[in-house]
Amino acid sequence: MEDFDTARDERLGADRRFKIGGEVFERRPGVKPEVMFDYEDLTPEDDASASHKVVVDLIFAFVEPKDHERLRAVIDQDEHPVTIADLNALVRWLIRSTSQRPTLALSSSPDGRAETGTTSTEPPSTEPAEASVA
């Protein structure tokens, strides 16, 4: 019999602490899958302000409620700001450590104009190409 509670118990017993902005916080042992939906729908074309809100909301969904006020103070402070790179690294760690799955950073899609090598000097053909049959 596969006992999924064993893996859950291991996750509950794991060290769930992290440090950012000089403060130590604790992540929840797990979150419902729905908390990931908005984050997984982000694209590089999304509005930066809306994307930032999604990332911060996701972080708070992963962090124990007892730590929310201190974490908000760290994120909002101006003297040593928590950067977008810091937030992205934190959210990737939270996802990876909670779900035990790797995360990838958002990447931009190519526009299809990539160089493919040397450019032909031959004029374009007006003859239709013959289809090859394999």
C-alpha atoms as a PDB file:
ATOM      1  CA  MET A   1       0.000   0.000   0.000  1.00  0.00           C
ATOM      2  CA  GLU A   2       1.290   3.453  -0.889  1.00  0.00           C
ATOM      3  CA  ASP A   3       1.129   5.643   2.210  1.00  0.00           C
ATOM      4  CA  PHE A   4       1.007   9.272   1.125  1.00  0.00           C
ATOM      5  CA  ASP A   5       0.772  10.410   4.743  1.00  0.00           C
ATOM      6  CA  THR A   6       4.425   9.420   5.262  1.00  0.00           C
ATOM      7  CA  ALA A   7       5.591  11.992   2.700  1.00  0.00           C
ATOM      8  CA  ARG A   8       3.214  14.565   4.161  1.00  0.00           C
ATOM      9  CA  ASP A   9       4.615  13.908   7.649  1.00  0.00           C
ATOM     10  CA  GLU A  10       8.152  14.390   6.316  1.00  0.00           C
ATOM     11  CA  ARG A  11       7.184  17.737   4.793  1.00  0.00           C
ATOM     12  CA  LEU A  12       5.611  18.786   8.104  1.00  0.00           C
ATOM     13  CA  GLY A  13       8.817  17.948   9.957  1.00  0.00           C
ATOM     14  CA  ALA A  14      11.137  19.698   7.514  1.00  0.00           C
ATOM     15  CA  ASP A  15      12.795  23.010   8.352  1.00  0.00           C
ATOM     16  CA  ARG A  16      10.439  25.586   6.879  1.00  0.00           C
ATOM     17  CA  ARG A  17      12.313  28.717   7.882  1.00  0.00           C
ATOM     18  CA  PHE A  18      13.814  31.295   5.551  1.00  0.00           C
ATOM     19  CA  LYS A  19      15.578  34.603   6.028  1.00  0.00           C
ATOM     20  CA  ILE A  20      15.066  37.807   4.075  1.00  0.00           C
ATOM     21  CA  GLY A  21      15.754  41.401   5.044  1.00  0.00           C
ATOM     22  CA  GLY A  22      17.494  40.259   8.222  1.00  0.00           C
ATOM     23  CA  GLU A  23      14.336  38.573   9.557  1.00  0.00           C
ATOM     24  CA  VAL A  24      13.529  34.869   9.847  1.00  0.00           C
ATOM     25  CA  PHE A  25      10.107  33.674   8.698  1.00  0.00           C
ATOM     26  CA  GLU A  26       8.379  30.330   8.393  1.00  0.00           C
ATOM     27  CA  ARG A  27       6.531  28.961   5.402  1.00  0.00           C
ATOM     28  CA  ARG A  28       3.431  26.838   5.729  1.00  0.00           C
ATOM     29  CA  PRO A  29       3.978  23.104   5.265  1.00  0.00           C
ATOM     30  CA  GLY A  30       1.680  23.185   2.238  1.00  0.00           C
ATOM     31  CA  VAL A  31      -0.900  25.242   0.394  1.00  0.00           C
ATOM     32  CA  LYS A  32      -3.911  24.410  -1.727  1.00  0.00           C
ATOM     33  CA  PRO A  33      -3.137  24.179  -5.455  1.00  0.00           C
ATOM     34  CA  GLU A  34      -5.504  27.075  -6.217  1.00  0.00           C
ATOM     35  CA  VAL A  35      -3.075  29.583  -4.695  1.00  0.00           C
ATOM     36  CA  MET A  36      -0.789  28.938  -7.687  1.00  0.00           C
ATOM     37  CA  PHE A  37      -3.287  29.651 -10.473  1.00  0.00           C
ATOM     38  CA  ASP A  38      -2.671  33.393 -10.911  1.00  0.00           C
ATOM     39  CA  TYR A  39       1.105  32.934 -10.660  1.00  0.00           C
ATOM     40  CA  GLU A  40       1.174  30.161 -13.253  1.00  0.00           C
ATOM     41  CA  ASP A  41      -0.844  32.347 -15.633  1.00  0.00           C
ATOM     42  CA  LEU A  42       1.727  35.189 -15.561  1.00  0.00           C
ATOM     43  CA  THR A  43       3.423  36.029 -18.843  1.00  0.00           C
ATOM     44  CA  PRO A  44       6.203  38.512 -19.659  1.00  0.00           C
ATOM     45  CA  GLU A  45       3.590  40.660 -21.407  1.00  0.00           C
ATOM     46  CA  ASP A  46       1.536  41.171 -18.199  1.00  0.00           C
ATOM     47  CA  ASP A  47       1.316  44.555 -16.505  1.00  0.00           C
ATOM     48  CA  ALA A  48       4.275  44.908 -14.106  1.00  0.00           C
ATOM     49  CA  SER A  49       2.166  46.236 -11.223  1.00  0.00           C
ATOM     50  CA  ALA A  50      -0.373  43.422 -11.521  1.00  0.00           C
ATOM     51  CA  SER A  51       2.420  40.842 -11.795  1.00  0.00           C
ATOM     52  CA  HIS A  52       4.097  42.242  -8.680  1.00  0.00           C
ATOM     53  CA  LYS A  53       0.821  41.951  -6.753  1.00  0.00           C
ATOM     54  CA  VAL A  54       0.392  38.325  -7.856  1.00  0.00           C
ATOM     55  CA  VAL A  55       3.945  37.471  -6.709  1.00  0.00           C
ATOM     56  CA  VAL A  56       3.548  39.197  -3.325  1.00  0.00           C
ATOM     57  CA  ASP A  57       0.098  37.660  -2.747  1.00  0.00           C
ATOM     58  CA  LEU A  58       1.526  34.233  -3.526  1.00  0.00           C
ATOM     59  CA  ILE A  59       4.377  34.749  -1.054  1.00  0.00           C
ATOM     60  CA  PHE A  60       1.904  35.644   1.681  1.00  0.00           C
ATOM     61  CA  ALA A  61      -0.189  32.559   0.846  1.00  0.00           C
ATOM     62  CA  PHE A  62       2.890  30.415   1.543  1.00  0.00           C
ATOM     63  CA  VAL A  63       4.002  32.204   4.735  1.00  0.00           C
ATOM     64  CA  GLU A  64       2.606  31.394   8.176  1.00  0.00           C
ATOM     65  CA  PRO A  65       0.007  34.045   9.160  1.00  0.00           C
ATOM     66  CA  LYS A  66       1.918  34.828  12.402  1.00  0.00           C
ATOM     67  CA  ASP A  67       4.738  36.211  10.206  1.00  0.00           C
ATOM     68  CA  HIS A  68       2.650  38.345   7.834  1.00  0.00           C
ATOM     69  CA  GLU A  69       3.010  41.664   9.666  1.00  0.00           C
ATOM     70  CA  ARG A  70       6.810  41.385   9.961  1.00  0.00           C
ATOM     71  CA  LEU A  71       7.144  40.234   6.351  1.00  0.00           C
ATOM     72  CA  ARG A  72       5.029  43.160   5.136  1.00  0.00           C
ATOM     73  CA  ALA A  73       7.328  45.534   7.050  1.00  0.00           C
ATOM     74  CA  VAL A  74      10.414  43.984   5.419  1.00  0.00           C
ATOM     75  CA  ILE A  75       8.922  44.136   1.909  1.00  0.00           C
ATOM     76  CA  ASP A  76       7.692  47.723   2.349  1.00  0.00           C
ATOM     77  CA  GLN A  77      10.838  49.222   3.916  1.00  0.00           C
ATOM     78  CA  ASP A  78      12.828  51.647   1.774  1.00  0.00           C
ATOM     79  CA  GLU A  79      16.289  51.723   3.373  1.00  0.00           C
ATOM     80  CA  HIS A  80      17.353  48.255   2.151  1.00  0.00           C
ATOM     81  CA  PRO A  81      14.640  47.384  -0.360  1.00  0.00           C
ATOM     82  CA  VAL A  82      13.620  43.843  -1.159  1.00  0.00           C
ATOM     83  CA  THR A  83      14.058  43.787  -4.928  1.00  0.00           C
ATOM     84  CA  ILE A  84      12.027  42.023  -7.585  1.00  0.00           C
ATOM     85  CA  ALA A  85      14.937  39.589  -7.940  1.00  0.00           C
ATOM     86  CA  ASP A  86      14.676  38.846  -4.200  1.00  0.00           C
ATOM     87  CA  LEU A  87      10.913  38.300  -4.453  1.00  0.00           C
ATOM     88  CA  ASN A  88      11.274  36.054  -7.494  1.00  0.00           C
ATOM     89  CA  ALA A  89      13.961  33.955  -5.786  1.00  0.00           C
ATOM     90  CA  LEU A  90      11.792  33.680  -2.675  1.00  0.00           C
ATOM     91  CA  VAL A  91       8.676  32.628  -4.566  1.00  0.00           C
ATOM     92  CA  ARG A  92      10.645  30.008  -6.515  1.00  0.00           C
ATOM     93  CA  TRP A  93      12.066  28.613  -3.258  1.00  0.00           C
ATOM     94  CA  LEU A  94       8.621  28.590  -1.617  1.00  0.00           C
ATOM     95  CA  ILE A  95       7.124  26.655  -4.525  1.00  0.00           C
ATOM     96  CA  ARG A  96      10.033  24.244  -4.815  1.00  0.00           C
ATOM     97  CA  SER A  97      10.295  23.536  -1.083  1.00  0.00           C
ATOM     98  CA  THR A  98       6.547  23.137  -0.599  1.00  0.00           C
ATOM     99  CA  SER A  99       5.598  21.190  -3.703  1.00  0.00           C
ATOM    100  CA  GLN A 100       8.907  19.429  -4.262  1.00  0.00           C
ATOM    101  CA  ARG A 101       8.858  20.431  -7.914  1.00  0.00           C
ATOM    102  CA  PRO A 102      11.374  22.591  -9.743  1.00  0.00           C
ATOM    103  CA  THR A 103      10.426  26.062 -10.851  1.00  0.00           C
ATOM    104  CA  LEU A 104      11.516  28.019 -13.870  1.00  0.00           C
ATOM    105  CA  ALA A 105      11.804  31.753 -14.201  1.00  0.00           C
ATOM    106  CA  LEU A 106       9.529  33.476 -16.669  1.00  0.00           C
ATOM    107  CA  SER A 107      11.228  33.823 -20.010  1.00  0.00           C
ATOM    108  CA  SER A 108      10.339  35.954 -22.958  1.00  0.00           C
ATOM    109  CA  SER A 109       9.262  34.294 -26.152  1.00  0.00           C
ATOM    110  CA  PRO A 110      11.285  34.920 -29.307  1.00  0.00           C
ATOM    111  CA  ASP A 111       9.615  37.036 -31.983  1.00  0.00           C
ATOM    112  CA  GLY A 112      10.504  34.625 -34.769  1.00  0.00           C
ATOM    113  CA  ARG A 113      13.224  36.827 -36.282  1.00  0.00           C
ATOM    114  CA  ALA A 114      16.206  34.833 -35.068  1.00  0.00           C
ATOM    115  CA  GLU A 115      19.260  34.536 -37.282  1.00  0.00           C
ATOM    116  CA  THR A 116      19.564  31.070 -38.778  1.00  0.00           C
ATOM    117  CA  GLY A 117      23.003  31.256 -40.348  1.00  0.00           C
ATOM    118  CA  THR A 118      24.363  32.645 -43.585  1.00  0.00           C
ATOM    119  CA  THR A 119      22.058  34.555 -45.857  1.00  0.00           C
ATOM    120  CA  SER A 120      21.497  33.247 -49.368  1.00  0.00           C
ATOM    121  CA  THR A 121      22.700  35.400 -52.237  1.00  0.00           C
ATOM    122  CA  GLU A 122      20.432  33.601 -54.712  1.00  0.00           C
ATOM    123  CA  PRO A 123      17.298  35.449 -55.870  1.00  0.00           C
ATOM    124  CA  PRO A 124      14.040  33.943 -54.628  1.00  0.00           C
ATOM    125  CA  SER A 125      12.605  31.257 -56.870  1.00  0.00           C
ATOM    126  CA  THR A 126       9.250  31.739 -58.586  1.00  0.00           C
ATOM    127  CA  GLU A 127       8.944  28.010 -59.240  1.00  0.00           C
ATOM    128  CA  PRO A 128       6.813  25.965 -56.819  1.00  0.00           C
ATOM    129  CA  ALA A 129       8.836  23.552 -54.713  1.00  0.00           C
ATOM    130  CA  GLU A 130       8.330  19.837 -55.308  1.00  0.00           C
ATOM    131  CA  ALA A 131       6.970  17.904 -52.361  1.00  0.00           C
ATOM    132  CA  SER A 132       9.120  15.013 -51.287  1.00  0.00           C
ATOM    133  CA  VAL A 133       7.564  11.779 -50.179  1.00  0.00           C
ATOM    134  CA  ALA A 134       9.293   9.894 -47.424  1.00  0.00           C
END
